[in-house]
Amino acid sequence: EKGSDVNHLKARPWMQQTRIRNEKKVLNLSKKYLKAISN
């Protein structure tokens, strides 16, 4: 995720990309499930 200068590894931000790409989806699911709990 972060990379490593010591080992010359470039960052591969897989967790960050997941968060960025799925923020709206998680928000919409949260609203849907909150409504289901409320019902």
PDB file of all heavy atoms in Angstrom:
ATOM      1  N   GLU A   1       0.827  -1.209   0.000  1.00  0.00           N
ATOM      2  CA  GLU A   1       0.000   0.000   0.000  1.00  0.00           C
ATOM      3  C   GLU A   1       0.861   1.259   0.000  1.00  0.00           C
ATOM      4  O   GLU A   1       0.616   2.193  -0.762  1.00  0.00           O
ATOM      5  CB  GLU A   1      -0.919   0.008   1.237  1.00  0.00           C
ATOM      6  CG  GLU A   1      -1.704   1.275   1.445  1.00  0.00           C
ATOM      7  CD  GLU A   1      -2.884   1.445   0.510  1.00  0.00           C
ATOM      8  OE1 GLU A   1      -3.307   0.477  -0.141  1.00  0.00           O
ATOM      9  OE2 GLU A   1      -3.394   2.571   0.432  1.00  0.00           O
ATOM     10  N   LYS A   2       1.868   1.283   0.859  1.00  0.00           N
ATOM     11  CA  LYS A   2       2.681   2.489   1.054  1.00  0.00           C
ATOM     12  C   LYS A   2       3.958   2.520   0.217  1.00  0.00           C
ATOM     13  O   LYS A   2       4.524   3.583   0.006  1.00  0.00           O
ATOM     14  CB  LYS A   2       3.079   2.613   2.538  1.00  0.00           C
ATOM     15  CG  LYS A   2       1.908   2.746   3.476  1.00  0.00           C
ATOM     16  CD  LYS A   2       1.212   4.050   3.256  1.00  0.00           C
ATOM     17  CE  LYS A   2       0.086   4.250   4.257  1.00  0.00           C
ATOM     18  NZ  LYS A   2      -0.658   5.457   4.000  1.00  0.00           N
ATOM     19  N   GLY A   3       4.447   1.340  -0.216  1.00  0.00           N
ATOM     20  CA  GLY A   3       5.726   1.279  -0.911  1.00  0.00           C
ATOM     21  C   GLY A   3       6.860   1.182   0.093  1.00  0.00           C
ATOM     22  O   GLY A   3       6.647   1.286   1.301  1.00  0.00           O
ATOM     23  N   SER A   4       8.062   0.991  -0.399  1.00  0.00           N
ATOM     24  CA  SER A   4       9.221   0.862   0.469  1.00  0.00           C
ATOM     25  C   SER A   4      10.454   1.417  -0.231  1.00  0.00           C
ATOM     26  O   SER A   4      10.895   0.861  -1.239  1.00  0.00           O
ATOM     27  CB  SER A   4       9.455  -0.609   0.846  1.00  0.00           C
ATOM     28  OG  SER A   4      10.700  -0.767   1.496  1.00  0.00           O
ATOM     29  N   ASP A   5      10.988   2.507   0.308  1.00  0.00           N
ATOM     30  CA  ASP A   5      12.216   3.077  -0.249  1.00  0.00           C
ATOM     31  C   ASP A   5      13.386   2.114  -0.065  1.00  0.00           C
ATOM     32  O   ASP A   5      14.229   1.981  -0.942  1.00  0.00           O
ATOM     33  CB  ASP A   5      12.541   4.417   0.420  1.00  0.00           C
ATOM     34  CG  ASP A   5      11.545   5.501   0.049  1.00  0.00           C
ATOM     35  OD1 ASP A   5      10.896   5.381  -1.015  1.00  0.00           O
ATOM     36  OD2 ASP A   5      11.410   6.464   0.824  1.00  0.00           O
ATOM     37  N   VAL A   6      13.423   1.436   1.068  1.00  0.00           N
ATOM     38  CA  VAL A   6      14.517   0.514   1.370  1.00  0.00           C
ATOM     39  C   VAL A   6      14.589  -0.606   0.341  1.00  0.00           C
ATOM     40  O   VAL A   6      15.661  -0.961  -0.137  1.00  0.00           O
ATOM     41  CB  VAL A   6      14.352  -0.082   2.792  1.00  0.00           C
ATOM     42  CG1 VAL A   6      15.390  -1.160   3.066  1.00  0.00           C
ATOM     43  CG2 VAL A   6      14.417   1.022   3.839  1.00  0.00           C
ATOM     44  N   ASN A   7      13.444  -1.155  -0.020  1.00  0.00           N
ATOM     45  CA  ASN A   7      13.405  -2.277  -0.961  1.00  0.00           C
ATOM     46  C   ASN A   7      13.082  -1.853  -2.388  1.00  0.00           C
ATOM     47  O   ASN A   7      12.832  -2.683  -3.239  1.00  0.00           O
ATOM     48  CB  ASN A   7      12.378  -3.317  -0.486  1.00  0.00           C
ATOM     49  CG  ASN A   7      12.784  -3.928   0.827  1.00  0.00           C
ATOM     50  OD1 ASN A   7      13.926  -4.337   0.999  1.00  0.00           O
ATOM     51  ND2 ASN A   7      11.871  -3.966   1.773  1.00  0.00           N
ATOM     52  N   HIS A   8      13.041  -0.554  -2.625  1.00  0.00           N
ATOM     53  CA  HIS A   8      12.761  -0.007  -3.961  1.00  0.00           C
ATOM     54  C   HIS A   8      11.430  -0.514  -4.517  1.00  0.00           C
ATOM     55  O   HIS A   8      11.329  -0.871  -5.685  1.00  0.00           O
ATOM     56  CB  HIS A   8      13.908  -0.314  -4.929  1.00  0.00           C
ATOM     57  CG  HIS A   8      15.232   0.175  -4.441  1.00  0.00           C
ATOM     58  ND1 HIS A   8      15.586   1.493  -4.486  1.00  0.00           N
ATOM     59  CD2 HIS A   8      16.265  -0.477  -3.860  1.00  0.00           C
ATOM     60  CE1 HIS A   8      16.803   1.632  -3.970  1.00  0.00           C
ATOM     61  NE2 HIS A   8      17.237   0.463  -3.573  1.00  0.00           N
ATOM     62  N   LEU A   9      10.412  -0.555  -3.643  1.00  0.00           N
ATOM     63  CA  LEU A   9       9.075  -0.966  -4.060  1.00  0.00           C
ATOM     64  C   LEU A   9       8.189   0.268  -4.200  1.00  0.00           C
ATOM     65  O   LEU A   9       8.087   1.073  -3.274  1.00  0.00           O
ATOM     66  CB  LEU A   9       8.448  -1.908  -3.036  1.00  0.00           C
ATOM     67  CG  LEU A   9       9.095  -3.267  -2.861  1.00  0.00           C
ATOM     68  CD1 LEU A   9       8.442  -4.001  -1.701  1.00  0.00           C
ATOM     69  CD2 LEU A   9       8.981  -4.076  -4.132  1.00  0.00           C
ATOM     70  N   LYS A  10       7.557   0.395  -5.340  1.00  0.00           N
ATOM     71  CA  LYS A  10       6.624   1.502  -5.549  1.00  0.00           C
ATOM     72  C   LYS A  10       5.318   1.209  -4.821  1.00  0.00           C
ATOM     73  O   LYS A  10       4.911   0.057  -4.696  1.00  0.00           O
ATOM     74  CB  LYS A  10       6.376   1.696  -7.042  1.00  0.00           C
ATOM     75  CG  LYS A  10       7.622   2.153  -7.756  1.00  0.00           C
ATOM     76  CD  LYS A  10       7.385   2.303  -9.222  1.00  0.00           C
ATOM     77  CE  LYS A  10       8.692   2.785  -9.834  1.00  0.00           C
ATOM     78  NZ  LYS A  10       8.797   2.529 -11.220  1.00  0.00           N
ATOM     79  N   ALA A  11       4.683   2.271  -4.377  1.00  0.00           N
ATOM     80  CA  ALA A  11       3.395   2.125  -3.689  1.00  0.00           C
ATOM     81  C   ALA A  11       2.350   1.585  -4.652  1.00  0.00           C
ATOM     82  O   ALA A  11       2.276   1.990  -5.808  1.00  0.00           O
ATOM     83  CB  ALA A  11       2.946   3.459  -3.115  1.00  0.00           C
ATOM     84  N   ARG A  12       1.565   0.658  -4.173  1.00  0.00           N
ATOM     85  CA  ARG A  12       0.421   0.115  -4.892  1.00  0.00           C
ATOM     86  C   ARG A  12      -0.794   0.326  -3.973  1.00  0.00           C
ATOM     87  O   ARG A  12      -1.194  -0.565  -3.240  1.00  0.00           O
ATOM     88  CB  ARG A  12       0.577  -1.374  -5.182  1.00  0.00           C
ATOM     89  CG  ARG A  12       1.886  -1.783  -5.832  1.00  0.00           C
ATOM     90  CD  ARG A  12       1.888  -1.420  -7.309  1.00  0.00           C
ATOM     91  NE  ARG A  12       2.876  -2.203  -8.043  1.00  0.00           N
ATOM     92  CZ  ARG A  12       3.915  -1.663  -8.664  1.00  0.00           C
ATOM     93  NH1 ARG A  12       4.130  -0.384  -8.616  1.00  0.00           N
ATOM     94  NH2 ARG A  12       4.751  -2.422  -9.339  1.00  0.00           N
ATOM     95  N   PRO A  13      -1.357   1.534  -3.940  1.00  0.00           N
ATOM     96  CA  PRO A  13      -2.377   1.896  -2.952  1.00  0.00           C
ATOM     97  C   PRO A  13      -3.733   1.221  -3.169  1.00  0.00           C
ATOM     98  O   PRO A  13      -4.723   1.852  -3.515  1.00  0.00           O
ATOM     99  CB  PRO A  13      -2.459   3.419  -3.086  1.00  0.00           C
ATOM    100  CG  PRO A  13      -2.046   3.685  -4.487  1.00  0.00           C
ATOM    101  CD  PRO A  13      -1.037   2.634  -4.837  1.00  0.00           C
ATOM    102  N   TRP A  14      -3.782  -0.063  -2.932  1.00  0.00           N
ATOM    103  CA  TRP A  14      -4.997  -0.837  -3.161  1.00  0.00           C
ATOM    104  C   TRP A  14      -6.092  -0.506  -2.142  1.00  0.00           C
ATOM    105  O   TRP A  14      -7.267  -0.482  -2.481  1.00  0.00           O
ATOM    106  CB  TRP A  14      -4.681  -2.337  -3.194  1.00  0.00           C
ATOM    107  CG  TRP A  14      -4.010  -2.863  -1.965  1.00  0.00           C
ATOM    108  CD1 TRP A  14      -2.677  -2.782  -1.652  1.00  0.00           C
ATOM    109  CD2 TRP A  14      -4.621  -3.544  -0.886  1.00  0.00           C
ATOM    110  NE1 TRP A  14      -2.447  -3.373  -0.443  1.00  0.00           N
ATOM    111  CE2 TRP A  14      -3.624  -3.856   0.053  1.00  0.00           C
ATOM    112  CE3 TRP A  14      -5.931  -3.922  -0.619  1.00  0.00           C
ATOM    113  CZ2 TRP A  14      -3.877  -4.527   1.235  1.00  0.00           C
ATOM    114  CZ3 TRP A  14      -6.188  -4.600   0.558  1.00  0.00           C
ATOM    115  CH2 TRP A  14      -5.166  -4.903   1.463  1.00  0.00           C
ATOM    116  N   MET A  15      -5.718  -0.225  -0.890  1.00  0.00           N
ATOM    117  CA  MET A  15      -6.737   0.133   0.108  1.00  0.00           C
ATOM    118  C   MET A  15      -7.302   1.530  -0.177  1.00  0.00           C
ATOM    119  O   MET A  15      -8.508   1.739  -0.093  1.00  0.00           O
ATOM    120  CB  MET A  15      -6.149   0.067   1.517  1.00  0.00           C
ATOM    121  CG  MET A  15      -5.832  -1.349   1.965  1.00  0.00           C
ATOM    122  SD  MET A  15      -5.244  -1.435   3.674  1.00  0.00           S
ATOM    123  CE  MET A  15      -3.492  -1.104   3.450  1.00  0.00           C
ATOM    124  N   GLN A  16      -6.429   2.463  -0.517  1.00  0.00           N
ATOM    125  CA  GLN A  16      -6.865   3.825  -0.823  1.00  0.00           C
ATOM    126  C   GLN A  16      -7.767   3.838  -2.058  1.00  0.00           C
ATOM    127  O   GLN A  16      -8.800   4.509  -2.066  1.00  0.00           O
ATOM    128  CB  GLN A  16      -5.646   4.720  -1.047  1.00  0.00           C
ATOM    129  CG  GLN A  16      -6.018   6.153  -1.350  1.00  0.00           C
ATOM    130  CD  GLN A  16      -4.794   7.004  -1.641  1.00  0.00           C
ATOM    131  OE1 GLN A  16      -3.717   6.516  -1.921  1.00  0.00           O
ATOM    132  NE2 GLN A  16      -4.973   8.313  -1.567  1.00  0.00           N
ATOM    133  N   GLN A  17      -7.392   3.093  -3.093  1.00  0.00           N
ATOM    134  CA  GLN A  17      -8.236   3.041  -4.295  1.00  0.00           C
ATOM    135  C   GLN A  17      -9.603   2.443  -3.975  1.00  0.00           C
ATOM    136  O   GLN A  17     -10.623   2.894  -4.500  1.00  0.00           O
ATOM    137  CB  GLN A  17      -7.553   2.225  -5.402  1.00  0.00           C
ATOM    138  CG  GLN A  17      -6.500   3.000  -6.144  1.00  0.00           C
ATOM    139  CD  GLN A  17      -6.066   2.281  -7.409  1.00  0.00           C
ATOM    140  OE1 GLN A  17      -6.895   1.804  -8.184  1.00  0.00           O
ATOM    141  NE2 GLN A  17      -4.760   2.212  -7.613  1.00  0.00           N
ATOM    142  N   THR A  18      -9.626   1.430  -3.112  1.00  0.00           N
ATOM    143  CA  THR A  18     -10.908   0.829  -2.724  1.00  0.00           C
ATOM    144  C   THR A  18     -11.792   1.877  -2.059  1.00  0.00           C
ATOM    145  O   THR A  18     -12.968   2.011  -2.398  1.00  0.00           O
ATOM    146  CB  THR A  18     -10.688  -0.356  -1.766  1.00  0.00           C
ATOM    147  OG1 THR A  18      -9.856  -1.335  -2.390  1.00  0.00           O
ATOM    148  CG2 THR A  18     -12.017  -0.983  -1.373  1.00  0.00           C
ATOM    149  N   ARG A  19     -11.217   2.618  -1.125  1.00  0.00           N
ATOM    150  CA  ARG A  19     -12.002   3.638  -0.411  1.00  0.00           C
ATOM    151  C   ARG A  19     -12.521   4.701  -1.374  1.00  0.00           C
ATOM    152  O   ARG A  19     -13.715   5.022  -1.378  1.00  0.00           O
ATOM    153  CB  ARG A  19     -11.155   4.290   0.676  1.00  0.00           C
ATOM    154  CG  ARG A  19     -11.922   5.321   1.489  1.00  0.00           C
ATOM    155  CD  ARG A  19     -11.039   6.079   2.463  1.00  0.00           C
ATOM    156  NE  ARG A  19      -9.857   6.669   1.872  1.00  0.00           N
ATOM    157  CZ  ARG A  19      -9.841   7.793   1.157  1.00  0.00           C
ATOM    158  NH1 ARG A  19     -10.961   8.442   0.923  1.00  0.00           N
ATOM    159  NH2 ARG A  19      -8.713   8.272   0.667  1.00  0.00           N
ATOM    160  N   ILE A  20     -11.647   5.223  -2.212  1.00  0.00           N
ATOM    161  CA  ILE A  20     -12.034   6.297  -3.135  1.00  0.00           C
ATOM    162  C   ILE A  20     -13.105   5.828  -4.117  1.00  0.00           C
ATOM    163  O   ILE A  20     -14.100   6.513  -4.349  1.00  0.00           O
ATOM    164  CB  ILE A  20     -10.803   6.841  -3.881  1.00  0.00           C
ATOM    165  CG1 ILE A  20      -9.898   7.594  -2.905  1.00  0.00           C
ATOM    166  CG2 ILE A  20     -11.209   7.725  -5.050  1.00  0.00           C
ATOM    167  CD1 ILE A  20      -8.520   7.931  -3.452  1.00  0.00           C
ATOM    168  N   ARG A  21     -12.920   4.644  -4.674  1.00  0.00           N
ATOM    169  CA  ARG A  21     -13.868   4.144  -5.683  1.00  0.00           C
ATOM    170  C   ARG A  21     -15.213   3.738  -5.104  1.00  0.00           C
ATOM    171  O   ARG A  21     -16.193   3.625  -5.835  1.00  0.00           O
ATOM    172  CB  ARG A  21     -13.278   2.927  -6.401  1.00  0.00           C
ATOM    173  CG  ARG A  21     -12.191   3.263  -7.370  1.00  0.00           C
ATOM    174  CD  ARG A  21     -11.678   2.004  -8.013  1.00  0.00           C
ATOM    175  NE  ARG A  21     -10.740   2.329  -9.064  1.00  0.00           N
ATOM    176  CZ  ARG A  21     -10.616   1.642 -10.176  1.00  0.00           C
ATOM    177  NH1 ARG A  21     -11.370   0.587 -10.396  1.00  0.00           N
ATOM    178  NH2 ARG A  21      -9.740   2.001 -11.075  1.00  0.00           N
ATOM    179  N   ASN A  22     -15.266   3.488  -3.795  1.00  0.00           N
ATOM    180  CA  ASN A  22     -16.486   2.927  -3.215  1.00  0.00           C
ATOM    181  C   ASN A  22     -17.164   3.806  -2.176  1.00  0.00           C
ATOM    182  O   ASN A  22     -18.097   3.352  -1.522  1.00  0.00           O
ATOM    183  CB  ASN A  22     -16.172   1.548  -2.630  1.00  0.00           C
ATOM    184  CG  ASN A  22     -15.875   0.547  -3.707  1.00  0.00           C
ATOM    185  OD1 ASN A  22     -16.777  -0.011  -4.316  1.00  0.00           O
ATOM    186  ND2 ASN A  22     -14.597   0.331  -3.986  1.00  0.00           N
ATOM    187  N   GLU A  23     -16.733   5.049  -2.028  1.00  0.00           N
ATOM    188  CA  GLU A  23     -17.346   5.926  -1.026  1.00  0.00           C
ATOM    189  C   GLU A  23     -18.850   6.081  -1.245  1.00  0.00           C
ATOM    190  O   GLU A  23     -19.639   5.927  -0.315  1.00  0.00           O
ATOM    191  CB  GLU A  23     -16.679   7.302  -1.040  1.00  0.00           C
ATOM    192  CG  GLU A  23     -15.375   7.334  -0.280  1.00  0.00           C
ATOM    193  CD  GLU A  23     -14.685   8.687  -0.320  1.00  0.00           C
ATOM    194  OE1 GLU A  23     -14.751   9.374  -1.357  1.00  0.00           O
ATOM    195  OE2 GLU A  23     -14.082   9.041   0.705  1.00  0.00           O
ATOM    196  N   LYS A  24     -19.268   6.369  -2.465  1.00  0.00           N
ATOM    197  CA  LYS A  24     -20.698   6.552  -2.748  1.00  0.00           C
ATOM    198  C   LYS A  24     -21.476   5.256  -2.558  1.00  0.00           C
ATOM    199  O   LYS A  24     -22.579   5.258  -2.021  1.00  0.00           O
ATOM    200  CB  LYS A  24     -20.897   7.082  -4.169  1.00  0.00           C
ATOM    201  CG  LYS A  24     -20.681   8.559  -4.301  1.00  0.00           C
ATOM    202  CD  LYS A  24     -21.081   9.052  -5.674  1.00  0.00           C
ATOM    203  CE  LYS A  24     -20.899  10.556  -5.766  1.00  0.00           C
ATOM    204  NZ  LYS A  24     -21.218  11.059  -7.096  1.00  0.00           N
ATOM    205  N   LYS A  25     -20.894   4.164  -3.018  1.00  0.00           N
ATOM    206  CA  LYS A  25     -21.566   2.868  -2.884  1.00  0.00           C
ATOM    207  C   LYS A  25     -21.794   2.530  -1.411  1.00  0.00           C
ATOM    208  O   LYS A  25     -22.889   2.111  -1.026  1.00  0.00           O
ATOM    209  CB  LYS A  25     -20.725   1.770  -3.545  1.00  0.00           C
ATOM    210  CG  LYS A  25     -21.309   0.388  -3.411  1.00  0.00           C
ATOM    211  CD  LYS A  25     -20.399  -0.656  -4.037  1.00  0.00           C
ATOM    212  CE  LYS A  25     -20.958  -2.051  -3.825  1.00  0.00           C
ATOM    213  NZ  LYS A  25     -20.060  -3.081  -4.332  1.00  0.00           N
ATOM    214  N   VAL A  26     -20.779   2.737  -0.574  1.00  0.00           N
ATOM    215  CA  VAL A  26     -20.902   2.444   0.852  1.00  0.00           C
ATOM    216  C   VAL A  26     -21.930   3.374   1.500  1.00  0.00           C
ATOM    217  O   VAL A  26     -22.751   2.941   2.311  1.00  0.00           O
ATOM    218  CB  VAL A  26     -19.526   2.542   1.556  1.00  0.00           C
ATOM    219  CG1 VAL A  26     -19.670   2.498   3.068  1.00  0.00           C
ATOM    220  CG2 VAL A  26     -18.604   1.430   1.071  1.00  0.00           C
ATOM    221  N   LEU A  27     -21.912   4.636   1.115  1.00  0.00           N
ATOM    222  CA  LEU A  27     -22.886   5.589   1.649  1.00  0.00           C
ATOM    223  C   LEU A  27     -24.310   5.176   1.271  1.00  0.00           C
ATOM    224  O   LEU A  27     -25.213   5.157   2.117  1.00  0.00           O
ATOM    225  CB  LEU A  27     -22.594   6.999   1.142  1.00  0.00           C
ATOM    226  CG  LEU A  27     -23.526   8.102   1.633  1.00  0.00           C
ATOM    227  CD1 LEU A  27     -23.466   8.232   3.152  1.00  0.00           C
ATOM    228  CD2 LEU A  27     -23.175   9.419   0.969  1.00  0.00           C
ATOM    229  N   ASN A  28     -24.516   4.811   0.008  1.00  0.00           N
ATOM    230  CA  ASN A  28     -25.845   4.389  -0.441  1.00  0.00           C
ATOM    231  C   ASN A  28     -26.300   3.104   0.241  1.00  0.00           C
ATOM    232  O   ASN A  28     -27.464   2.979   0.624  1.00  0.00           O
ATOM    233  CB  ASN A  28     -25.870   4.231  -1.957  1.00  0.00           C
ATOM    234  CG  ASN A  28     -25.784   5.563  -2.668  1.00  0.00           C
ATOM    235  OD1 ASN A  28     -26.122   6.603  -2.123  1.00  0.00           O
ATOM    236  ND2 ASN A  28     -25.307   5.546  -3.909  1.00  0.00           N
ATOM    237  N   LEU A  29     -25.379   2.145   0.391  1.00  0.00           N
ATOM    238  CA  LEU A  29     -25.727   0.907   1.105  1.00  0.00           C
ATOM    239  C   LEU A  29     -26.065   1.201   2.560  1.00  0.00           C
ATOM    240  O   LEU A  29     -27.009   0.630   3.112  1.00  0.00           O
ATOM    241  CB  LEU A  29     -24.587  -0.109   1.030  1.00  0.00           C
ATOM    242  CG  LEU A  29     -24.444  -0.888  -0.262  1.00  0.00           C
ATOM    243  CD1 LEU A  29     -23.199  -1.764  -0.225  1.00  0.00           C
ATOM    244  CD2 LEU A  29     -25.677  -1.741  -0.525  1.00  0.00           C
ATOM    245  N   SER A  30     -25.287   2.087   3.185  1.00  0.00           N
ATOM    246  CA  SER A  30     -25.552   2.458   4.583  1.00  0.00           C
ATOM    247  C   SER A  30     -26.952   3.047   4.732  1.00  0.00           C
ATOM    248  O   SER A  30     -27.688   2.699   5.659  1.00  0.00           O
ATOM    249  CB  SER A  30     -24.506   3.456   5.075  1.00  0.00           C
ATOM    250  OG  SER A  30     -23.229   2.889   5.054  1.00  0.00           O
ATOM    251  N   LYS A  31     -27.321   3.932   3.825  1.00  0.00           N
ATOM    252  CA  LYS A  31     -28.663   4.530   3.855  1.00  0.00           C
ATOM    253  C   LYS A  31     -29.743   3.463   3.667  1.00  0.00           C
ATOM    254  O   LYS A  31     -30.758   3.456   4.357  1.00  0.00           O
ATOM    255  CB  LYS A  31     -28.791   5.599   2.774  1.00  0.00           C
ATOM    256  CG  LYS A  31     -28.031   6.860   3.064  1.00  0.00           C
ATOM    257  CD  LYS A  31     -28.156   7.837   1.898  1.00  0.00           C
ATOM    258  CE  LYS A  31     -27.356   9.104   2.117  1.00  0.00           C
ATOM    259  NZ  LYS A  31     -27.443  10.014   0.960  1.00  0.00           N
ATOM    260  N   LYS A  32     -29.502   2.564   2.712  1.00  0.00           N
ATOM    261  CA  LYS A  32     -30.468   1.492   2.424  1.00  0.00           C
ATOM    262  C   LYS A  32     -30.661   0.598   3.657  1.00  0.00           C
ATOM    263  O   LYS A  32     -31.790   0.270   4.035  1.00  0.00           O
ATOM    264  CB  LYS A  32     -29.957   0.667   1.242  1.00  0.00           C
ATOM    265  CG  LYS A  32     -30.785  -0.547   0.915  1.00  0.00           C
ATOM    266  CD  LYS A  32     -30.150  -1.326  -0.225  1.00  0.00           C
ATOM    267  CE  LYS A  32     -30.870  -2.641  -0.456  1.00  0.00           C
ATOM    268  NZ  LYS A  32     -30.225  -3.445  -1.496  1.00  0.00           N
ATOM    269  N   TYR A  33     -29.536   0.216   4.290  1.00  0.00           N
ATOM    270  CA  TYR A  33     -29.622  -0.676   5.449  1.00  0.00           C
ATOM    271  C   TYR A  33     -30.204   0.040   6.665  1.00  0.00           C
ATOM    272  O   TYR A  33     -30.938  -0.561   7.450  1.00  0.00           O
ATOM    273  CB  TYR A  33     -28.264  -1.292   5.761  1.00  0.00           C
ATOM    274  CG  TYR A  33     -27.742  -2.191   4.659  1.00  0.00           C
ATOM    275  CD1 TYR A  33     -26.384  -2.359   4.450  1.00  0.00           C
ATOM    276  CD2 TYR A  33     -28.602  -2.874   3.802  1.00  0.00           C
ATOM    277  CE1 TYR A  33     -25.894  -3.178   3.436  1.00  0.00           C
ATOM    278  CE2 TYR A  33     -28.135  -3.688   2.789  1.00  0.00           C
ATOM    279  CZ  TYR A  33     -26.781  -3.845   2.613  1.00  0.00           C
ATOM    280  OH  TYR A  33     -26.305  -4.654   1.612  1.00  0.00           O
ATOM    281  N   LEU A  34     -29.910   1.328   6.821  1.00  0.00           N
ATOM    282  CA  LEU A  34     -30.488   2.100   7.924  1.00  0.00           C
ATOM    283  C   LEU A  34     -32.002   2.178   7.760  1.00  0.00           C
ATOM    284  O   LEU A  34     -32.749   2.034   8.729  1.00  0.00           O
ATOM    285  CB  LEU A  34     -29.875   3.497   7.974  1.00  0.00           C
ATOM    286  CG  LEU A  34     -30.368   4.398   9.103  1.00  0.00           C
ATOM    287  CD1 LEU A  34     -30.098   3.762  10.461  1.00  0.00           C
ATOM    288  CD2 LEU A  34     -29.702   5.762   9.012  1.00  0.00           C
ATOM    289  N   LYS A  35     -32.436   2.358   6.530  1.00  0.00           N
ATOM    290  CA  LYS A  35     -33.878   2.388   6.253  1.00  0.00           C
ATOM    291  C   LYS A  35     -34.507   1.023   6.579  1.00  0.00           C
ATOM    292  O   LYS A  35     -35.589   0.956   7.158  1.00  0.00           O
ATOM    293  CB  LYS A  35     -34.120   2.747   4.786  1.00  0.00           C
ATOM    294  CG  LYS A  35     -35.565   2.957   4.445  1.00  0.00           C
ATOM    295  CD  LYS A  35     -35.730   3.446   3.021  1.00  0.00           C
ATOM    296  CE  LYS A  35     -37.199   3.677   2.702  1.00  0.00           C
ATOM    297  NZ  LYS A  35     -37.387   4.171   1.339  1.00  0.00           N
ATOM    298  N   ALA A  36     -33.805  -0.050   6.218  1.00  0.00           N
ATOM    299  CA  ALA A  36     -34.319  -1.401   6.510  1.00  0.00           C
ATOM    300  C   ALA A  36     -34.396  -1.642   8.019  1.00  0.00           C
ATOM    301  O   ALA A  36     -35.355  -2.253   8.502  1.00  0.00           O
ATOM    302  CB  ALA A  36     -33.437  -2.450   5.841  1.00  0.00           C
ATOM    303  N   ILE A  37     -33.409  -1.148   8.757  1.00  0.00           N
ATOM    304  CA  ILE A  37     -33.451  -1.271  10.226  1.00  0.00           C
ATOM    305  C   ILE A  37     -34.632  -0.463  10.759  1.00  0.00           C
ATOM    306  O   ILE A  37     -35.394  -0.947  11.607  1.00  0.00           O
ATOM    307  CB  ILE A  37     -32.124  -0.784  10.865  1.00  0.00           C
ATOM    308  CG1 ILE A  37     -30.971  -1.710  10.496  1.00  0.00           C
ATOM    309  CG2 ILE A  37     -32.258  -0.710  12.389  1.00  0.00           C
ATOM    310  CD1 ILE A  37     -29.589  -1.166  10.865  1.00  0.00           C
ATOM    311  N   SER A  38     -34.800   0.743  10.250  1.00  0.00           N
ATOM    312  CA  SER A  38     -35.896   1.613  10.695  1.00  0.00           C
ATOM    313  C   SER A  38     -37.268   1.026  10.368  1.00  0.00           C
ATOM    314  O   SER A  38     -38.237   1.255  11.092  1.00  0.00           O
ATOM    315  CB  SER A  38     -35.784   2.999  10.040  1.00  0.00           C
ATOM    316  OG  SER A  38     -34.593   3.622  10.418  1.00  0.00           O
ATOM    317  N   ASN A  39     -37.355   0.278   9.271  1.00  0.00           N
ATOM    318  CA  ASN A  39     -38.615  -0.376   8.893  1.00  0.00           C
ATOM    319  C   ASN A  39     -38.839  -1.677   9.653  1.00  0.00           C
ATOM    320  O   ASN A  39     -39.895  -2.281   9.524  1.00  0.00           O
ATOM    321  CB  ASN A  39     -38.625  -0.679   7.391  1.00  0.00           C
ATOM    322  CG  ASN A  39     -38.705   0.577   6.565  1.00  0.00           C
ATOM    323  OD1 ASN A  39     -39.163   1.602   7.023  1.00  0.00           O
ATOM    324  ND2 ASN A  39     -38.239   0.486   5.323  1.00  0.00           N
TER     325      ASN A  39
END
